[in-house]
N, C-alpha and C. Protein backbone atom coordinates (compact mmCIF):
# COMPACT_ATOMS: atom_id res chain seq x y z
N UNK A 1 188.50 21.20 122.49
CA UNK A 1 188.88 20.88 123.83
C UNK A 1 187.62 20.80 124.69
N UNK A 2 187.52 19.74 125.47
CA UNK A 2 186.35 19.52 126.32
C UNK A 2 186.65 19.93 127.75
N UNK A 3 185.64 20.48 128.39
CA UNK A 3 185.74 20.86 129.80
C UNK A 3 184.99 19.80 130.60
N UNK A 4 185.69 19.10 131.46
CA UNK A 4 185.07 18.08 132.28
C UNK A 4 184.54 18.71 133.57
N UNK A 5 183.31 18.42 133.87
CA UNK A 5 182.68 18.95 135.07
C UNK A 5 182.67 17.86 136.13
N UNK A 6 183.18 18.20 137.30
CA UNK A 6 183.20 17.23 138.39
C UNK A 6 181.86 17.31 139.12
N UNK A 7 181.19 16.17 139.25
CA UNK A 7 179.90 16.10 139.92
C UNK A 7 180.09 15.63 141.36
N UNK A 8 179.30 16.20 142.25
CA UNK A 8 179.37 15.88 143.67
C UNK A 8 177.98 15.54 144.18
N UNK A 9 177.95 14.81 145.27
CA UNK A 9 176.67 14.51 145.92
C UNK A 9 176.24 15.71 146.76
N UNK A 10 174.97 15.74 147.11
CA UNK A 10 174.45 16.78 147.98
C UNK A 10 175.14 16.72 149.34
N UNK A 11 175.46 15.51 149.79
CA UNK A 11 176.16 15.35 151.07
C UNK A 11 177.55 15.99 151.02
N UNK A 12 178.24 15.83 149.89
CA UNK A 12 179.56 16.46 149.73
C UNK A 12 179.43 17.98 149.76
N UNK A 13 178.39 18.49 149.12
CA UNK A 13 178.13 19.93 149.13
C UNK A 13 177.93 20.42 150.56
N UNK A 14 177.09 19.71 151.32
CA UNK A 14 176.82 20.10 152.71
C UNK A 14 178.11 20.11 153.53
N UNK A 15 179.01 19.17 153.28
CA UNK A 15 180.29 19.13 154.00
C UNK A 15 181.17 20.33 153.63
N UNK A 16 181.20 20.68 152.36
CA UNK A 16 182.02 21.81 151.91
C UNK A 16 181.55 23.10 152.56
N UNK A 17 180.24 23.36 152.54
CA UNK A 17 179.75 24.63 153.08
C UNK A 17 179.85 24.69 154.61
N UNK A 18 179.96 23.52 155.26
CA UNK A 18 180.07 23.48 156.73
C UNK A 18 181.49 23.70 157.23
N UNK A 19 182.47 23.68 156.32
CA UNK A 19 183.86 23.87 156.72
C UNK A 19 184.06 25.28 157.28
N UNK A 20 184.83 25.41 158.38
CA UNK A 20 185.03 26.74 158.99
C UNK A 20 185.55 27.80 158.01
N UNK A 21 186.41 27.42 157.09
CA UNK A 21 186.96 28.39 156.14
C UNK A 21 185.93 28.86 155.11
N UNK A 22 184.78 28.18 155.05
CA UNK A 22 183.76 28.54 154.07
C UNK A 22 182.55 29.24 154.68
N UNK A 23 182.61 29.50 155.96
CA UNK A 23 181.47 30.05 156.68
C UNK A 23 181.02 31.41 156.12
N UNK A 24 181.91 32.23 155.64
CA UNK A 24 181.55 33.55 155.12
C UNK A 24 181.48 33.59 153.59
N UNK A 25 181.47 32.44 152.97
CA UNK A 25 181.39 32.37 151.51
C UNK A 25 180.00 31.91 151.09
N UNK A 26 179.63 32.25 149.86
CA UNK A 26 178.36 31.81 149.29
C UNK A 26 178.62 30.69 148.29
N UNK A 27 177.82 29.64 148.40
CA UNK A 27 177.94 28.52 147.47
C UNK A 27 176.57 28.15 146.92
N UNK A 28 176.59 27.62 145.71
CA UNK A 28 175.38 27.06 145.12
C UNK A 28 175.71 25.63 144.69
N UNK A 29 174.69 24.81 144.65
CA UNK A 29 174.81 23.43 144.20
C UNK A 29 173.93 23.32 142.96
N UNK A 30 174.57 23.29 141.79
CA UNK A 30 173.86 23.34 140.51
C UNK A 30 174.15 22.08 139.72
N UNK A 31 173.14 21.23 139.58
CA UNK A 31 173.26 20.00 138.80
C UNK A 31 174.50 19.20 139.17
N UNK A 32 174.77 19.08 140.46
CA UNK A 32 175.90 18.28 140.93
C UNK A 32 177.22 19.02 141.05
N UNK A 33 177.25 20.28 140.64
CA UNK A 33 178.47 21.08 140.75
C UNK A 33 178.40 21.95 142.00
N UNK A 34 179.53 22.05 142.69
CA UNK A 34 179.65 22.96 143.83
C UNK A 34 180.28 24.24 143.31
N UNK A 35 179.53 25.33 143.40
CA UNK A 35 179.97 26.59 142.81
C UNK A 35 180.07 27.68 143.86
N UNK A 36 181.27 28.23 144.03
CA UNK A 36 181.40 29.39 144.91
C UNK A 36 180.89 30.60 144.14
N UNK A 37 180.13 31.44 144.83
CA UNK A 37 179.54 32.61 144.19
C UNK A 37 180.33 33.84 144.65
N UNK A 38 181.25 34.32 143.81
CA UNK A 38 182.04 35.50 144.21
C UNK A 38 181.21 36.77 144.15
N UNK A 39 181.65 37.77 144.89
CA UNK A 39 180.93 39.04 144.86
C UNK A 39 181.49 39.94 143.77
N UNK A 40 180.68 40.90 143.36
CA UNK A 40 181.05 41.89 142.36
C UNK A 40 180.41 43.20 142.81
N UNK A 41 181.19 44.28 142.94
CA UNK A 41 180.63 45.53 143.48
C UNK A 41 179.42 46.08 142.71
N UNK A 42 179.47 46.09 141.39
CA UNK A 42 178.36 46.63 140.62
C UNK A 42 177.13 45.73 140.75
N UNK A 43 177.31 44.42 140.61
CA UNK A 43 176.19 43.49 140.75
C UNK A 43 175.58 43.60 142.15
N UNK A 44 176.42 43.74 143.15
CA UNK A 44 175.95 43.86 144.53
C UNK A 44 175.13 45.15 144.71
N UNK A 45 175.59 46.24 144.12
CA UNK A 45 174.88 47.52 144.24
C UNK A 45 173.51 47.44 143.57
N UNK A 46 173.46 46.84 142.39
CA UNK A 46 172.19 46.70 141.68
C UNK A 46 171.24 45.80 142.46
N UNK A 47 171.75 44.68 142.98
CA UNK A 47 170.92 43.79 143.79
C UNK A 47 170.40 44.52 145.01
N UNK A 48 171.24 45.34 145.63
CA UNK A 48 170.82 46.12 146.80
C UNK A 48 169.70 47.09 146.47
N UNK A 49 169.76 47.70 145.31
CA UNK A 49 168.70 48.63 144.90
C UNK A 49 167.39 47.88 144.67
N UNK A 50 167.45 46.73 144.00
CA UNK A 50 166.24 45.94 143.76
C UNK A 50 165.66 45.47 145.10
N UNK A 51 166.53 45.02 146.00
CA UNK A 51 166.10 44.59 147.33
C UNK A 51 165.38 45.74 148.04
N UNK A 52 165.92 46.95 147.90
CA UNK A 52 165.30 48.13 148.53
C UNK A 52 163.91 48.39 147.95
N UNK A 53 163.77 48.35 146.63
CA UNK A 53 162.46 48.57 146.00
C UNK A 53 161.45 47.52 146.46
N UNK A 54 161.89 46.26 146.51
CA UNK A 54 160.99 45.19 146.96
C UNK A 54 160.61 45.37 148.43
N UNK A 55 161.58 45.72 149.27
CA UNK A 55 161.28 45.93 150.69
C UNK A 55 160.32 47.10 150.90
N UNK A 56 160.50 48.18 150.14
CA UNK A 56 159.57 49.32 150.26
C UNK A 56 158.15 48.86 149.91
N UNK A 57 158.03 48.03 148.89
CA UNK A 57 156.72 47.49 148.50
C UNK A 57 156.16 46.62 149.61
N UNK A 58 156.98 45.74 150.17
CA UNK A 58 156.55 44.82 151.24
C UNK A 58 156.08 45.62 152.46
N UNK A 59 156.85 46.62 152.87
CA UNK A 59 156.47 47.42 154.04
C UNK A 59 155.13 48.12 153.82
N UNK A 60 154.92 48.60 152.61
CA UNK A 60 153.68 49.31 152.30
C UNK A 60 152.48 48.36 152.19
N UNK A 61 152.72 47.14 151.72
CA UNK A 61 151.63 46.21 151.43
C UNK A 61 151.53 45.03 152.38
N UNK A 62 152.41 44.93 153.36
CA UNK A 62 152.38 43.85 154.34
C UNK A 62 152.26 42.47 153.71
N UNK A 63 153.13 42.16 152.79
CA UNK A 63 152.95 40.86 152.13
C UNK A 63 154.21 40.18 151.68
N UNK A 64 154.88 39.48 152.56
CA UNK A 64 155.98 38.64 152.11
C UNK A 64 157.30 38.96 152.77
N UNK A 65 158.30 38.24 152.31
CA UNK A 65 159.66 38.37 152.82
C UNK A 65 160.60 38.55 151.64
N UNK A 66 161.61 39.37 151.83
CA UNK A 66 162.65 39.57 150.81
C UNK A 66 163.97 39.13 151.42
N UNK A 67 164.72 38.37 150.66
CA UNK A 67 166.05 37.96 151.11
C UNK A 67 167.10 38.47 150.15
N UNK A 68 168.30 38.67 150.68
CA UNK A 68 169.44 39.06 149.85
C UNK A 68 170.24 37.84 149.46
N UNK A 69 171.47 38.08 149.06
CA UNK A 69 172.30 36.99 148.54
C UNK A 69 172.68 35.95 149.58
N UNK A 70 172.46 36.24 150.85
CA UNK A 70 172.72 35.24 151.89
C UNK A 70 171.54 34.30 152.09
N UNK A 71 170.42 34.59 151.46
CA UNK A 71 169.25 33.73 151.58
C UNK A 71 169.32 32.63 150.54
N UNK A 72 169.41 31.40 150.99
CA UNK A 72 169.49 30.27 150.07
C UNK A 72 168.16 29.53 149.98
N UNK A 73 167.97 28.84 148.86
CA UNK A 73 166.73 28.11 148.61
C UNK A 73 167.01 26.74 148.03
N UNK A 74 166.19 25.77 148.43
CA UNK A 74 166.24 24.43 147.85
C UNK A 74 165.34 24.44 146.62
N UNK A 75 165.94 24.15 145.48
CA UNK A 75 165.19 24.10 144.23
C UNK A 75 165.41 22.70 143.67
N UNK A 76 164.41 21.85 143.81
CA UNK A 76 164.60 20.45 143.45
C UNK A 76 165.73 19.89 144.30
N UNK A 77 166.69 19.26 143.69
CA UNK A 77 167.85 18.75 144.42
C UNK A 77 168.99 19.73 144.51
N UNK A 78 168.83 20.91 143.92
CA UNK A 78 169.89 21.92 143.92
C UNK A 78 169.72 22.90 145.07
N UNK A 79 170.76 23.70 145.29
CA UNK A 79 170.74 24.75 146.31
C UNK A 79 171.20 26.05 145.65
N UNK A 80 170.34 27.06 145.66
CA UNK A 80 170.64 28.32 145.00
C UNK A 80 170.66 29.47 146.00
N UNK A 81 171.46 30.47 145.69
CA UNK A 81 171.54 31.69 146.49
C UNK A 81 171.33 32.87 145.56
N UNK A 82 170.07 33.18 145.23
CA UNK A 82 169.82 34.31 144.33
C UNK A 82 170.27 35.62 144.95
N UNK A 83 170.60 36.58 144.12
CA UNK A 83 171.03 37.89 144.62
C UNK A 83 169.94 38.55 145.45
N UNK A 84 168.69 38.38 145.02
CA UNK A 84 167.52 38.88 145.74
C UNK A 84 166.41 37.86 145.50
N UNK A 85 165.55 37.68 146.50
CA UNK A 85 164.40 36.80 146.31
C UNK A 85 163.22 37.34 147.12
N UNK A 86 162.04 37.01 146.64
CA UNK A 86 160.79 37.35 147.33
C UNK A 86 160.01 36.06 147.54
N UNK A 87 159.45 35.91 148.72
CA UNK A 87 158.58 34.78 148.99
C UNK A 87 157.37 35.30 149.75
N UNK A 88 156.19 34.91 149.29
CA UNK A 88 154.95 35.43 149.88
C UNK A 88 154.79 34.95 151.32
N UNK A 89 154.03 35.70 152.07
CA UNK A 89 153.77 35.36 153.47
C UNK A 89 153.15 33.97 153.58
N UNK A 90 152.25 33.65 152.66
CA UNK A 90 151.55 32.36 152.69
C UNK A 90 152.51 31.19 152.49
N UNK A 91 153.56 31.39 151.75
CA UNK A 91 154.48 30.30 151.44
C UNK A 91 155.73 30.27 152.33
N UNK A 92 155.97 31.37 153.08
CA UNK A 92 157.16 31.42 153.92
C UNK A 92 156.96 30.52 155.13
N UNK A 93 157.90 29.60 155.37
CA UNK A 93 157.75 28.69 156.52
C UNK A 93 157.64 29.48 157.83
N UNK A 94 156.68 29.08 158.67
CA UNK A 94 156.43 29.82 159.92
C UNK A 94 157.58 29.72 160.90
N UNK A 95 158.08 28.52 161.10
CA UNK A 95 159.16 28.34 162.05
C UNK A 95 160.35 27.69 161.36
N UNK A 96 161.49 28.34 161.46
CA UNK A 96 162.71 27.82 160.87
C UNK A 96 163.80 27.77 161.92
N UNK A 97 164.61 26.73 161.89
CA UNK A 97 165.74 26.74 162.82
C UNK A 97 166.71 27.86 162.45
N UNK A 98 167.35 28.43 163.45
CA UNK A 98 168.26 29.55 163.23
C UNK A 98 169.39 29.19 162.26
N UNK A 99 169.85 27.96 162.33
CA UNK A 99 171.02 27.56 161.54
C UNK A 99 170.69 26.97 160.18
N UNK A 100 169.45 27.15 159.72
CA UNK A 100 169.10 26.61 158.40
C UNK A 100 169.85 27.38 157.33
N UNK A 101 170.44 26.65 156.39
CA UNK A 101 171.21 27.29 155.34
C UNK A 101 170.40 27.63 154.11
N UNK A 102 169.41 26.80 153.80
CA UNK A 102 168.63 26.97 152.58
C UNK A 102 167.17 26.71 152.91
N UNK A 103 166.29 27.65 152.53
CA UNK A 103 164.87 27.47 152.79
C UNK A 103 164.35 26.27 152.00
N UNK A 104 163.48 25.48 152.61
CA UNK A 104 163.00 24.28 151.95
C UNK A 104 161.93 24.51 150.89
N UNK A 105 161.59 25.77 150.63
CA UNK A 105 160.60 26.09 149.59
C UNK A 105 161.23 27.08 148.61
N UNK A 106 160.85 26.98 147.33
CA UNK A 106 161.40 27.94 146.37
C UNK A 106 160.76 29.31 146.54
N UNK A 107 161.48 30.36 146.17
CA UNK A 107 160.88 31.71 146.25
C UNK A 107 159.85 31.90 145.14
N UNK A 108 159.00 32.88 145.32
CA UNK A 108 158.07 33.26 144.25
C UNK A 108 158.83 33.99 143.14
N UNK A 109 159.86 34.75 143.55
CA UNK A 109 160.67 35.54 142.63
C UNK A 109 162.14 35.37 143.00
N UNK A 110 162.96 35.10 142.00
CA UNK A 110 164.41 35.08 142.18
C UNK A 110 165.01 36.11 141.24
N UNK A 111 165.94 36.90 141.75
CA UNK A 111 166.62 37.91 140.95
C UNK A 111 168.09 37.52 140.85
N UNK A 112 168.58 37.41 139.65
CA UNK A 112 169.98 37.09 139.39
C UNK A 112 170.59 38.27 138.64
N UNK A 113 171.61 38.89 139.23
CA UNK A 113 172.31 40.00 138.59
C UNK A 113 173.59 39.41 137.99
N UNK A 114 173.73 39.50 136.69
CA UNK A 114 174.86 38.90 135.99
C UNK A 114 176.14 39.66 136.30
N UNK A 115 177.18 38.91 136.65
CA UNK A 115 178.50 39.50 136.88
C UNK A 115 179.50 38.85 135.95
N UNK A 116 180.69 39.43 135.80
CA UNK A 116 181.67 38.90 134.85
C UNK A 116 182.05 37.43 135.07
N UNK A 117 181.97 36.95 136.31
CA UNK A 117 182.38 35.57 136.58
C UNK A 117 181.25 34.56 136.38
N UNK A 118 180.04 35.01 136.05
CA UNK A 118 178.92 34.09 135.87
C UNK A 118 179.14 33.15 134.70
N UNK A 119 178.68 31.93 134.87
CA UNK A 119 178.75 30.90 133.83
C UNK A 119 177.37 30.84 133.16
N UNK A 120 177.27 31.19 131.87
CA UNK A 120 175.97 31.19 131.19
C UNK A 120 175.27 29.83 131.23
N UNK A 121 176.02 28.75 131.19
CA UNK A 121 175.45 27.40 131.24
C UNK A 121 174.75 27.18 132.59
N UNK A 122 175.44 27.56 133.67
CA UNK A 122 174.84 27.41 134.99
C UNK A 122 173.63 28.31 135.16
N UNK A 123 173.70 29.52 134.62
CA UNK A 123 172.56 30.45 134.69
C UNK A 123 171.35 29.84 133.98
N UNK A 124 171.58 29.22 132.83
CA UNK A 124 170.49 28.60 132.08
C UNK A 124 169.87 27.44 132.86
N UNK A 125 170.70 26.62 133.50
CA UNK A 125 170.20 25.51 134.33
C UNK A 125 169.34 26.07 135.46
N UNK A 126 169.85 27.11 136.12
CA UNK A 126 169.11 27.70 137.24
C UNK A 126 167.76 28.26 136.79
N UNK A 127 167.73 28.97 135.68
CA UNK A 127 166.47 29.53 135.19
C UNK A 127 165.48 28.41 134.91
N UNK A 128 165.93 27.36 134.24
CA UNK A 128 165.07 26.21 133.93
C UNK A 128 164.50 25.60 135.21
N UNK A 129 165.36 25.40 136.20
CA UNK A 129 164.92 24.78 137.46
C UNK A 129 164.01 25.71 138.27
N UNK A 130 164.33 27.00 138.29
CA UNK A 130 163.44 27.95 138.96
C UNK A 130 162.04 27.89 138.33
N UNK A 131 161.98 27.95 137.01
CA UNK A 131 160.69 27.94 136.32
C UNK A 131 159.92 26.65 136.62
N UNK A 132 160.62 25.51 136.64
CA UNK A 132 159.97 24.24 136.96
C UNK A 132 159.40 24.24 138.38
N UNK A 133 160.01 25.03 139.27
CA UNK A 133 159.54 25.13 140.66
C UNK A 133 158.45 26.20 140.81
N UNK A 134 158.09 26.88 139.72
CA UNK A 134 157.06 27.91 139.78
C UNK A 134 157.57 29.29 140.15
N UNK A 135 158.89 29.48 140.11
CA UNK A 135 159.51 30.76 140.47
C UNK A 135 159.64 31.64 139.23
N UNK A 136 159.28 32.90 139.37
CA UNK A 136 159.53 33.90 138.32
C UNK A 136 160.97 34.35 138.50
N UNK A 137 161.68 34.57 137.39
CA UNK A 137 163.09 34.95 137.46
C UNK A 137 163.31 36.27 136.73
N UNK A 138 163.96 37.20 137.45
CA UNK A 138 164.43 38.43 136.82
C UNK A 138 165.93 38.29 136.66
N UNK A 139 166.42 38.41 135.44
CA UNK A 139 167.86 38.38 135.17
C UNK A 139 168.27 39.78 134.74
N UNK A 140 169.21 40.35 135.47
CA UNK A 140 169.65 41.72 135.21
C UNK A 140 171.01 41.69 134.53
N UNK A 141 171.13 42.41 133.43
CA UNK A 141 172.38 42.53 132.69
C UNK A 141 172.91 43.95 132.86
N UNK A 142 173.83 44.16 133.80
CA UNK A 142 174.31 45.52 134.11
C UNK A 142 174.91 46.26 132.92
N UNK A 143 175.73 45.60 132.12
CA UNK A 143 176.39 46.32 131.04
C UNK A 143 175.41 46.72 129.93
N UNK A 144 174.40 45.92 129.69
CA UNK A 144 173.38 46.25 128.68
C UNK A 144 172.28 47.12 129.27
N UNK A 145 172.25 47.22 130.60
CA UNK A 145 171.20 47.94 131.32
C UNK A 145 169.82 47.42 130.92
N UNK A 146 169.70 46.10 131.01
CA UNK A 146 168.44 45.44 130.68
C UNK A 146 168.08 44.45 131.79
N UNK A 147 166.80 44.14 131.85
CA UNK A 147 166.29 43.15 132.79
C UNK A 147 165.36 42.24 132.01
N UNK A 148 165.58 40.94 132.13
CA UNK A 148 164.72 39.94 131.50
C UNK A 148 163.80 39.35 132.57
N UNK A 149 162.54 39.12 132.19
CA UNK A 149 161.60 38.44 133.07
C UNK A 149 161.27 37.09 132.45
N UNK A 150 161.57 36.03 133.21
CA UNK A 150 161.27 34.67 132.81
C UNK A 150 160.14 34.17 133.69
N UNK A 151 159.03 33.73 133.08
CA UNK A 151 157.90 33.18 133.83
C UNK A 151 157.43 31.92 133.12
N UNK A 152 157.06 30.93 133.90
CA UNK A 152 156.64 29.64 133.37
C UNK A 152 155.51 29.81 132.35
N UNK A 153 155.70 29.21 131.17
CA UNK A 153 154.67 29.23 130.14
C UNK A 153 154.54 30.53 129.40
N UNK A 154 155.47 31.46 129.61
CA UNK A 154 155.40 32.77 128.93
C UNK A 154 156.70 33.05 128.19
N UNK A 155 156.60 33.91 127.20
CA UNK A 155 157.80 34.35 126.48
C UNK A 155 158.62 35.25 127.39
N UNK A 156 159.93 35.23 127.20
CA UNK A 156 160.81 36.11 127.97
C UNK A 156 160.50 37.55 127.59
N UNK A 157 160.36 38.40 128.61
CA UNK A 157 160.12 39.83 128.38
C UNK A 157 161.40 40.58 128.73
N UNK A 158 161.80 41.50 127.86
CA UNK A 158 163.02 42.28 128.07
C UNK A 158 162.64 43.73 128.32
N UNK A 159 163.17 44.27 129.42
CA UNK A 159 162.92 45.65 129.79
C UNK A 159 164.22 46.43 129.66
N UNK A 160 164.16 47.55 128.94
CA UNK A 160 165.33 48.41 128.78
C UNK A 160 165.32 49.54 129.79
N UNK A 161 166.37 50.33 129.73
CA UNK A 161 166.59 51.42 130.68
C UNK A 161 165.40 52.38 130.80
N UNK A 162 164.66 52.60 129.74
CA UNK A 162 163.55 53.56 129.76
C UNK A 162 162.20 52.93 130.10
N UNK A 163 162.20 51.63 130.44
CA UNK A 163 160.95 50.93 130.74
C UNK A 163 160.69 50.89 132.25
N UNK A 164 159.46 50.53 132.59
CA UNK A 164 159.07 50.33 133.99
C UNK A 164 158.57 48.90 134.13
N UNK A 165 159.11 48.20 135.09
CA UNK A 165 158.71 46.82 135.38
C UNK A 165 157.58 46.86 136.40
N UNK A 166 156.49 46.16 136.08
CA UNK A 166 155.37 46.08 137.01
C UNK A 166 155.29 44.66 137.56
N UNK A 167 154.78 44.54 138.79
CA UNK A 167 154.84 43.28 139.53
C UNK A 167 153.83 42.22 139.19
N UNK A 168 152.90 42.46 138.32
CA UNK A 168 151.86 41.50 137.91
C UNK A 168 151.09 40.98 139.12
N UNK A 169 150.53 39.78 139.01
CA UNK A 169 149.70 39.21 140.09
C UNK A 169 150.52 38.91 141.34
N UNK A 170 151.79 38.62 141.17
CA UNK A 170 152.65 38.26 142.29
C UNK A 170 152.88 39.46 143.22
N UNK A 171 153.08 40.63 142.64
CA UNK A 171 153.35 41.86 143.39
C UNK A 171 152.42 42.96 142.88
N UNK A 172 151.10 42.84 143.13
CA UNK A 172 150.17 43.83 142.57
C UNK A 172 150.48 45.25 143.06
N UNK A 173 150.56 46.16 142.11
CA UNK A 173 150.84 47.56 142.44
C UNK A 173 152.33 47.89 142.48
N UNK A 174 153.19 46.88 142.38
CA UNK A 174 154.63 47.13 142.38
C UNK A 174 155.04 47.71 141.03
N UNK A 175 155.89 48.72 141.05
CA UNK A 175 156.45 49.29 139.82
C UNK A 175 157.87 49.78 140.11
N UNK A 176 158.77 49.50 139.19
CA UNK A 176 160.16 49.89 139.35
C UNK A 176 160.70 50.35 138.00
N UNK A 177 161.15 51.59 137.94
CA UNK A 177 161.76 52.10 136.72
C UNK A 177 163.12 51.43 136.56
N UNK A 178 163.36 50.84 135.42
CA UNK A 178 164.61 50.12 135.19
C UNK A 178 165.81 51.04 135.37
N UNK A 179 165.70 52.29 134.94
CA UNK A 179 166.84 53.22 135.08
C UNK A 179 167.23 53.42 136.54
N UNK A 180 166.29 53.20 137.46
CA UNK A 180 166.57 53.42 138.88
C UNK A 180 167.42 52.32 139.53
N UNK A 181 167.60 51.20 138.85
CA UNK A 181 168.43 50.14 139.44
C UNK A 181 169.87 50.18 138.93
N UNK A 182 170.12 51.06 137.99
CA UNK A 182 171.48 51.20 137.48
C UNK A 182 172.09 52.48 138.04
N UNK A 183 173.19 52.35 138.78
CA UNK A 183 173.81 53.51 139.42
C UNK A 183 174.13 54.62 138.42
N UNK A 184 173.90 55.86 138.84
CA UNK A 184 174.19 57.02 137.99
C UNK A 184 175.67 57.05 137.63
N UNK A 185 176.54 56.61 138.53
CA UNK A 185 177.98 56.61 138.25
C UNK A 185 178.32 55.67 137.11
N UNK A 186 177.53 54.59 136.94
CA UNK A 186 177.77 53.67 135.82
C UNK A 186 177.49 54.37 134.51
N UNK A 187 176.43 55.15 134.44
CA UNK A 187 176.09 55.88 133.21
C UNK A 187 177.19 56.87 132.87
N UNK A 188 177.73 57.56 133.88
CA UNK A 188 178.79 58.53 133.65
C UNK A 188 180.07 57.83 133.19
N UNK A 189 180.35 56.64 133.77
CA UNK A 189 181.55 55.89 133.39
C UNK A 189 181.49 55.41 131.95
N UNK A 190 180.28 55.09 131.47
CA UNK A 190 180.14 54.54 130.12
C UNK A 190 179.97 55.62 129.07
N UNK A 191 179.72 56.87 129.47
CA UNK A 191 179.48 57.95 128.51
C UNK A 191 180.77 58.40 127.83
């Protein structure tokens, strides 16, 4: 059985997201598909923790902007809303209109926290497009308690619960223990 994917123009996407009933919803435009991005409590909590670690680093080092899931980005012809993103001060547009929906530059880092409703095919397209735009991608798998780092021209690196992720050249001095992004209640629930 084949699944037919309906393709839409970017203009159709812009019309959908501008509808009053869609104002509080998150959408992505992936390879011609209009995708509503539903929320998930565990994925949201993990994204919030990563956002907190990145913001603590930014405040300490005065370097860049962090956005949450409401921050959208133009990646080629697509529109993505990563769960968390970082963009350096040098690359962040100085003046943006208040009503801009998607930043016209890709982030330096995009974080995608996998939730039960995620489509692996769409995730793969997004990773490929992020990498082509020069964005590093962290993909978090809550149930496996792992984080993958995808960087252009490099092998995928997998970090487990007992590892520490370091920020490399993009975030010098940044370090985050992987166990710290997974809620303690999740560990108790799975034990």
